[in-house]
Amino acid sequence: MAVDATLPYDDSNIFAKILRGEIPCAKVYEDDHALAFNDINPQAPTHILVIPRGPYVSWDDFSARADDAEIAGFIRAVGAVAREAGLVEPGYRLLANVGPHSHQEVPHLHVHILAGRPLGPMLAK
């Protein structure tokens, strides 16, 4: 299901339920600003999702409404997850989908960390 990034936050989305502990996840990182867990449908050998704790629909929503501490904490969490997973060398890809054209499926900001093999070009030609 595609998401309109301009919609208000829906706290019945799966990531909101994970944050509330209603649905389990394979957690790999947690702090005051973020939660990271293995994707249940991995698209690469390593596929970790990092989500902010706050109710943000998309990167656009987050960058417009989050305070400086939330933004810094979330960005630092993404880096910490990549470092702790040993992905800095040989490298990894970050992906954050926003809205229907990007195929955003869950209306809660999330960053995909993809790694573990050569991932090819960003977009098919």
N, C-alpha and C. Protein backbone atom coordinates (compact mmCIF):
# COMPACT_ATOMS: atom_id res chain seq x y z
N MET A 1 0.84 -1.18 0.00
CA MET A 1 0.00 0.00 0.00
C MET A 1 0.88 1.24 0.00
N ALA A 2 0.71 2.09 -0.94
CA ALA A 2 1.50 3.32 -1.03
C ALA A 2 1.01 4.34 -0.01
N VAL A 3 1.88 5.28 0.32
CA VAL A 3 1.60 6.26 1.35
C VAL A 3 1.70 7.66 0.76
N ASP A 4 0.79 8.53 1.13
CA ASP A 4 0.89 9.94 0.80
C ASP A 4 1.62 10.60 1.96
N ALA A 5 2.82 11.11 1.70
CA ALA A 5 3.66 11.66 2.77
C ALA A 5 3.04 12.88 3.44
N THR A 6 1.99 13.45 2.88
CA THR A 6 1.36 14.60 3.49
C THR A 6 0.27 14.20 4.48
N LEU A 7 -0.04 12.92 4.58
CA LEU A 7 -1.08 12.46 5.49
C LEU A 7 -0.64 12.61 6.94
N PRO A 8 -1.60 12.78 7.85
CA PRO A 8 -1.25 12.79 9.27
C PRO A 8 -0.76 11.41 9.70
N TYR A 9 -0.02 11.38 10.79
CA TYR A 9 0.53 10.13 11.29
C TYR A 9 -0.59 9.19 11.72
N ASP A 10 -0.48 7.93 11.34
CA ASP A 10 -1.45 6.89 11.71
C ASP A 10 -0.78 5.97 12.72
N ASP A 11 -1.19 6.06 13.98
CA ASP A 11 -0.50 5.27 15.00
C ASP A 11 -0.91 3.81 15.04
N SER A 12 -1.65 3.35 14.02
CA SER A 12 -1.95 1.93 13.91
C SER A 12 -1.01 1.24 12.92
N ASN A 13 -0.01 1.98 12.37
CA ASN A 13 0.93 1.35 11.44
C ASN A 13 1.83 0.35 12.18
N ILE A 14 2.40 -0.56 11.43
CA ILE A 14 3.16 -1.66 12.03
C ILE A 14 4.35 -1.18 12.85
N PHE A 15 5.02 -0.11 12.42
CA PHE A 15 6.19 0.36 13.18
C PHE A 15 5.76 1.01 14.49
N ALA A 16 4.62 1.69 14.50
CA ALA A 16 4.10 2.23 15.76
C ALA A 16 3.79 1.09 16.72
N LYS A 17 3.24 0.01 16.20
CA LYS A 17 2.93 -1.15 17.04
C LYS A 17 4.21 -1.80 17.57
N ILE A 18 5.25 -1.85 16.75
CA ILE A 18 6.55 -2.38 17.20
C ILE A 18 7.10 -1.49 18.32
N LEU A 19 7.04 -0.16 18.13
CA LEU A 19 7.54 0.75 19.15
C LEU A 19 6.80 0.60 20.47
N ARG A 20 5.52 0.29 20.42
CA ARG A 20 4.72 0.10 21.64
C ARG A 20 4.87 -1.31 22.23
N GLY A 21 5.60 -2.19 21.55
CA GLY A 21 5.80 -3.54 22.04
C GLY A 21 4.65 -4.48 21.73
N GLU A 22 3.74 -4.07 20.86
CA GLU A 22 2.58 -4.91 20.51
C GLU A 22 2.94 -5.98 19.49
N ILE A 23 3.99 -5.74 18.72
CA ILE A 23 4.48 -6.69 17.72
C ILE A 23 5.98 -6.86 17.98
N PRO A 24 6.47 -8.09 18.02
CA PRO A 24 7.90 -8.30 18.26
C PRO A 24 8.74 -7.94 17.03
N CYS A 25 10.02 -7.70 17.28
CA CYS A 25 10.96 -7.47 16.20
C CYS A 25 12.30 -8.07 16.60
N ALA A 26 13.15 -8.28 15.59
CA ALA A 26 14.51 -8.78 15.85
C ALA A 26 15.42 -7.56 16.03
N LYS A 27 15.37 -7.00 17.24
CA LYS A 27 16.06 -5.75 17.55
C LYS A 27 17.58 -5.91 17.47
N VAL A 28 18.23 -4.91 16.84
CA VAL A 28 19.69 -4.89 16.79
C VAL A 28 20.26 -3.65 17.46
N TYR A 29 19.40 -2.64 17.73
CA TYR A 29 19.88 -1.39 18.33
C TYR A 29 18.68 -0.66 18.91
N GLU A 30 18.93 0.04 20.02
CA GLU A 30 17.87 0.84 20.62
C GLU A 30 18.50 1.93 21.46
N ASP A 31 17.97 3.14 21.35
CA ASP A 31 18.35 4.23 22.23
C ASP A 31 17.15 5.16 22.40
N ASP A 32 17.37 6.33 22.97
CA ASP A 32 16.26 7.25 23.24
C ASP A 32 15.59 7.80 21.98
N HIS A 33 16.29 7.76 20.86
CA HIS A 33 15.78 8.38 19.63
C HIS A 33 15.40 7.40 18.54
N ALA A 34 15.88 6.17 18.62
CA ALA A 34 15.68 5.25 17.50
C ALA A 34 15.61 3.80 17.95
N LEU A 35 15.03 3.01 17.07
CA LEU A 35 14.99 1.56 17.22
C LEU A 35 15.40 0.98 15.87
N ALA A 36 16.26 -0.04 15.89
CA ALA A 36 16.68 -0.70 14.65
C ALA A 36 16.45 -2.20 14.80
N PHE A 37 16.00 -2.80 13.69
CA PHE A 37 15.70 -4.22 13.71
C PHE A 37 15.86 -4.80 12.31
N ASN A 38 16.05 -6.11 12.26
CA ASN A 38 16.19 -6.78 10.97
C ASN A 38 14.86 -6.78 10.24
N ASP A 39 14.92 -6.51 8.93
CA ASP A 39 13.73 -6.52 8.09
C ASP A 39 13.21 -7.95 7.98
N ILE A 40 11.90 -8.14 8.06
CA ILE A 40 11.34 -9.49 7.97
C ILE A 40 11.30 -10.01 6.53
N ASN A 41 11.53 -9.14 5.56
CA ASN A 41 11.58 -9.54 4.15
C ASN A 41 12.85 -8.94 3.53
N PRO A 42 14.03 -9.44 3.93
CA PRO A 42 15.28 -8.80 3.52
C PRO A 42 15.50 -8.80 2.01
N GLN A 43 16.00 -7.67 1.52
CA GLN A 43 16.31 -7.50 0.11
C GLN A 43 17.81 -7.59 -0.16
N ALA A 44 18.58 -7.86 0.88
CA ALA A 44 20.04 -8.03 0.80
C ALA A 44 20.43 -8.92 1.98
N PRO A 45 21.65 -9.49 1.96
CA PRO A 45 22.07 -10.33 3.09
C PRO A 45 21.95 -9.61 4.44
N THR A 46 22.26 -8.33 4.47
CA THR A 46 22.01 -7.50 5.65
C THR A 46 20.96 -6.47 5.26
N HIS A 47 19.85 -6.45 5.97
CA HIS A 47 18.78 -5.49 5.71
C HIS A 47 18.18 -5.10 7.05
N ILE A 48 18.59 -3.93 7.53
CA ILE A 48 18.18 -3.43 8.84
C ILE A 48 17.33 -2.19 8.63
N LEU A 49 16.25 -2.08 9.38
CA LEU A 49 15.42 -0.89 9.37
C LEU A 49 15.72 -0.08 10.61
N VAL A 50 15.87 1.23 10.45
CA VAL A 50 16.07 2.13 11.58
C VAL A 50 14.90 3.11 11.58
N ILE A 51 14.19 3.19 12.71
CA ILE A 51 13.03 4.07 12.80
C ILE A 51 13.19 5.03 13.97
N PRO A 52 12.72 6.26 13.81
CA PRO A 52 12.73 7.17 14.96
C PRO A 52 11.60 6.78 15.91
N ARG A 53 11.75 7.14 17.16
CA ARG A 53 10.72 6.84 18.16
C ARG A 53 9.50 7.76 18.01
N GLY A 54 9.69 8.92 17.43
CA GLY A 54 8.60 9.86 17.28
C GLY A 54 7.68 9.53 16.12
N PRO A 55 6.48 10.13 16.11
CA PRO A 55 5.46 9.84 15.09
C PRO A 55 5.65 10.66 13.82
N TYR A 56 6.56 10.22 12.98
CA TYR A 56 6.85 10.93 11.73
C TYR A 56 6.52 10.03 10.54
N VAL A 57 5.79 10.57 9.58
CA VAL A 57 5.36 9.81 8.41
C VAL A 57 6.52 9.56 7.46
N SER A 58 7.38 10.55 7.27
CA SER A 58 8.40 10.48 6.22
C SER A 58 9.61 11.33 6.60
N TRP A 59 10.62 11.27 5.76
CA TRP A 59 11.80 12.11 5.96
C TRP A 59 11.41 13.58 5.91
N ASP A 60 10.52 13.93 4.99
CA ASP A 60 10.06 15.31 4.89
C ASP A 60 9.37 15.75 6.18
N ASP A 61 8.47 14.94 6.69
CA ASP A 61 7.75 15.23 7.92
C ASP A 61 8.75 15.37 9.09
N PHE A 62 9.67 14.44 9.18
CA PHE A 62 10.68 14.42 10.26
C PHE A 62 11.54 15.67 10.21
N SER A 63 12.05 16.02 9.03
CA SER A 63 12.95 17.17 8.93
C SER A 63 12.22 18.49 9.20
N ALA A 64 10.91 18.52 8.99
CA ALA A 64 10.12 19.73 9.24
C ALA A 64 9.68 19.86 10.69
N ARG A 65 9.40 18.72 11.37
CA ARG A 65 8.77 18.79 12.70
C ARG A 65 9.63 18.33 13.87
N ALA A 66 10.62 17.49 13.64
CA ALA A 66 11.43 16.99 14.75
C ALA A 66 12.33 18.09 15.29
N ASP A 67 12.62 18.00 16.58
CA ASP A 67 13.56 18.99 17.13
C ASP A 67 14.99 18.56 16.84
N ASP A 68 15.91 19.46 17.11
CA ASP A 68 17.32 19.22 16.77
C ASP A 68 17.87 17.97 17.45
N ALA A 69 17.48 17.72 18.70
CA ALA A 69 17.99 16.54 19.41
C ALA A 69 17.49 15.26 18.76
N GLU A 70 16.22 15.23 18.33
CA GLU A 70 15.68 14.05 17.66
C GLU A 70 16.39 13.80 16.33
N ILE A 71 16.61 14.86 15.58
CA ILE A 71 17.27 14.72 14.28
C ILE A 71 18.69 14.21 14.46
N ALA A 72 19.44 14.85 15.35
CA ALA A 72 20.82 14.42 15.58
C ALA A 72 20.86 13.00 16.13
N GLY A 73 19.99 12.69 17.06
CA GLY A 73 19.98 11.35 17.66
C GLY A 73 19.65 10.27 16.65
N PHE A 74 18.69 10.54 15.76
CA PHE A 74 18.32 9.56 14.76
C PHE A 74 19.45 9.35 13.76
N ILE A 75 20.04 10.42 13.28
CA ILE A 75 21.15 10.29 12.32
C ILE A 75 22.33 9.56 12.96
N ARG A 76 22.63 9.88 14.20
CA ARG A 76 23.72 9.17 14.90
C ARG A 76 23.38 7.69 15.07
N ALA A 77 22.11 7.38 15.32
CA ALA A 77 21.70 5.98 15.48
C ALA A 77 21.91 5.20 14.18
N VAL A 78 21.58 5.81 13.05
CA VAL A 78 21.80 5.13 11.76
C VAL A 78 23.28 4.80 11.60
N GLY A 79 24.15 5.75 11.90
CA GLY A 79 25.60 5.50 11.81
C GLY A 79 26.06 4.44 12.79
N ALA A 80 25.55 4.48 14.02
CA ALA A 80 25.94 3.49 15.03
C ALA A 80 25.53 2.09 14.61
N VAL A 81 24.33 1.95 14.04
CA VAL A 81 23.87 0.64 13.58
C VAL A 81 24.80 0.09 12.51
N ALA A 82 25.15 0.93 11.54
CA ALA A 82 26.05 0.49 10.46
C ALA A 82 27.41 0.09 11.02
N ARG A 83 27.95 0.90 11.94
CA ARG A 83 29.26 0.57 12.53
C ARG A 83 29.19 -0.72 13.33
N GLU A 84 28.16 -0.85 14.18
CA GLU A 84 28.04 -2.05 15.03
C GLU A 84 27.84 -3.31 14.21
N ALA A 85 27.23 -3.18 13.03
CA ALA A 85 27.02 -4.34 12.16
C ALA A 85 28.25 -4.63 11.29
N GLY A 86 29.31 -3.82 11.42
CA GLY A 86 30.53 -4.03 10.65
C GLY A 86 30.38 -3.71 9.17
N LEU A 87 29.56 -2.73 8.84
CA LEU A 87 29.24 -2.44 7.45
C LEU A 87 30.04 -1.31 6.82
N VAL A 88 30.80 -0.58 7.62
CA VAL A 88 31.50 0.58 7.08
C VAL A 88 32.45 0.16 5.96
N GLU A 89 33.14 -0.94 6.15
CA GLU A 89 33.98 -1.52 5.09
C GLU A 89 33.48 -2.93 4.88
N PRO A 90 32.98 -3.33 3.78
CA PRO A 90 33.17 -2.79 2.43
C PRO A 90 32.10 -1.81 1.96
N GLY A 91 31.13 -1.44 2.78
CA GLY A 91 30.17 -0.43 2.39
C GLY A 91 28.73 -0.90 2.52
N TYR A 92 27.83 0.07 2.44
CA TYR A 92 26.41 -0.21 2.59
C TYR A 92 25.62 0.88 1.88
N ARG A 93 24.33 0.64 1.72
CA ARG A 93 23.44 1.61 1.10
C ARG A 93 22.37 2.02 2.10
N LEU A 94 22.06 3.32 2.13
CA LEU A 94 20.95 3.84 2.91
C LEU A 94 19.83 4.19 1.95
N LEU A 95 18.60 3.85 2.32
CA LEU A 95 17.45 4.14 1.48
C LEU A 95 16.29 4.56 2.37
N ALA A 96 15.69 5.70 2.05
CA ALA A 96 14.48 6.15 2.74
C ALA A 96 13.47 6.55 1.68
N ASN A 97 12.38 5.82 1.60
CA ASN A 97 11.33 6.10 0.63
C ASN A 97 10.37 7.14 1.21
N VAL A 98 9.92 8.05 0.34
CA VAL A 98 8.97 9.09 0.75
C VAL A 98 7.84 9.15 -0.27
N GLY A 99 6.66 8.75 0.14
CA GLY A 99 5.48 8.90 -0.70
C GLY A 99 5.26 7.81 -1.72
N PRO A 100 4.17 7.95 -2.48
CA PRO A 100 3.74 6.89 -3.39
C PRO A 100 4.69 6.61 -4.55
N HIS A 101 5.36 7.61 -5.10
CA HIS A 101 6.26 7.35 -6.22
C HIS A 101 7.49 6.55 -5.80
N SER A 102 7.82 6.58 -4.54
CA SER A 102 8.98 5.83 -4.05
C SER A 102 8.62 4.45 -3.54
N HIS A 103 7.34 4.16 -3.47
CA HIS A 103 6.84 2.88 -2.98
C HIS A 103 7.00 2.76 -1.46
N GLN A 104 6.80 3.87 -0.74
CA GLN A 104 6.80 3.81 0.72
C GLN A 104 5.60 2.99 1.15
N GLU A 105 5.84 1.93 1.91
CA GLU A 105 4.76 1.02 2.29
C GLU A 105 4.24 1.23 3.70
N VAL A 106 5.10 1.70 4.61
CA VAL A 106 4.69 1.92 5.99
C VAL A 106 4.76 3.42 6.27
N PRO A 107 3.68 4.02 6.75
CA PRO A 107 3.64 5.46 6.97
C PRO A 107 4.33 5.89 8.28
N HIS A 108 5.55 5.43 8.46
CA HIS A 108 6.40 5.84 9.57
C HIS A 108 7.80 5.93 8.98
N LEU A 109 8.48 7.07 9.18
CA LEU A 109 9.83 7.22 8.64
C LEU A 109 10.66 6.00 9.00
N HIS A 110 11.36 5.47 8.02
CA HIS A 110 12.31 4.39 8.27
C HIS A 110 13.42 4.45 7.23
N VAL A 111 14.61 4.14 7.68
CA VAL A 111 15.78 4.09 6.81
C VAL A 111 16.17 2.62 6.69
N HIS A 112 16.33 2.17 5.45
CA HIS A 112 16.82 0.83 5.18
C HIS A 112 18.34 0.89 5.12
N ILE A 113 19.01 0.01 5.83
CA ILE A 113 20.45 -0.19 5.68
C ILE A 113 20.61 -1.53 4.97
N LEU A 114 21.17 -1.48 3.76
CA LEU A 114 21.32 -2.67 2.92
C LEU A 114 22.80 -2.92 2.69
N ALA A 115 23.21 -4.18 2.84
CA ALA A 115 24.62 -4.51 2.68
C ALA A 115 24.78 -6.02 2.55
N GLY A 116 26.05 -6.43 2.41
CA GLY A 116 26.36 -7.85 2.41
C GLY A 116 26.70 -8.42 1.05
N ARG A 117 26.52 -7.64 0.01
CA ARG A 117 26.90 -8.03 -1.35
C ARG A 117 26.91 -6.77 -2.20
N PRO A 118 27.53 -6.81 -3.37
CA PRO A 118 27.43 -5.65 -4.27
C PRO A 118 25.97 -5.44 -4.64
N LEU A 119 25.49 -4.21 -4.50
CA LEU A 119 24.07 -3.93 -4.67
C LEU A 119 23.72 -3.40 -6.06
N GLY A 120 24.70 -3.14 -6.88
CA GLY A 120 24.41 -2.68 -8.24
C GLY A 120 24.06 -1.19 -8.26
N PRO A 121 23.61 -0.74 -9.43
CA PRO A 121 23.30 0.69 -9.57
C PRO A 121 22.07 1.06 -8.75
N MET A 122 21.93 2.33 -8.46
CA MET A 122 20.81 2.81 -7.66
C MET A 122 19.46 2.55 -8.32
N LEU A 123 19.37 2.84 -9.62
CA LEU A 123 18.12 2.66 -10.35
C LEU A 123 18.38 1.91 -11.64
N ALA A 124 17.44 1.05 -12.03
CA ALA A 124 17.58 0.36 -13.31
C ALA A 124 17.42 1.36 -14.43
N LYS A 125 18.19 1.17 -15.49
CA LYS A 125 18.11 2.12 -16.61
C LYS A 125 17.05 1.72 -17.57
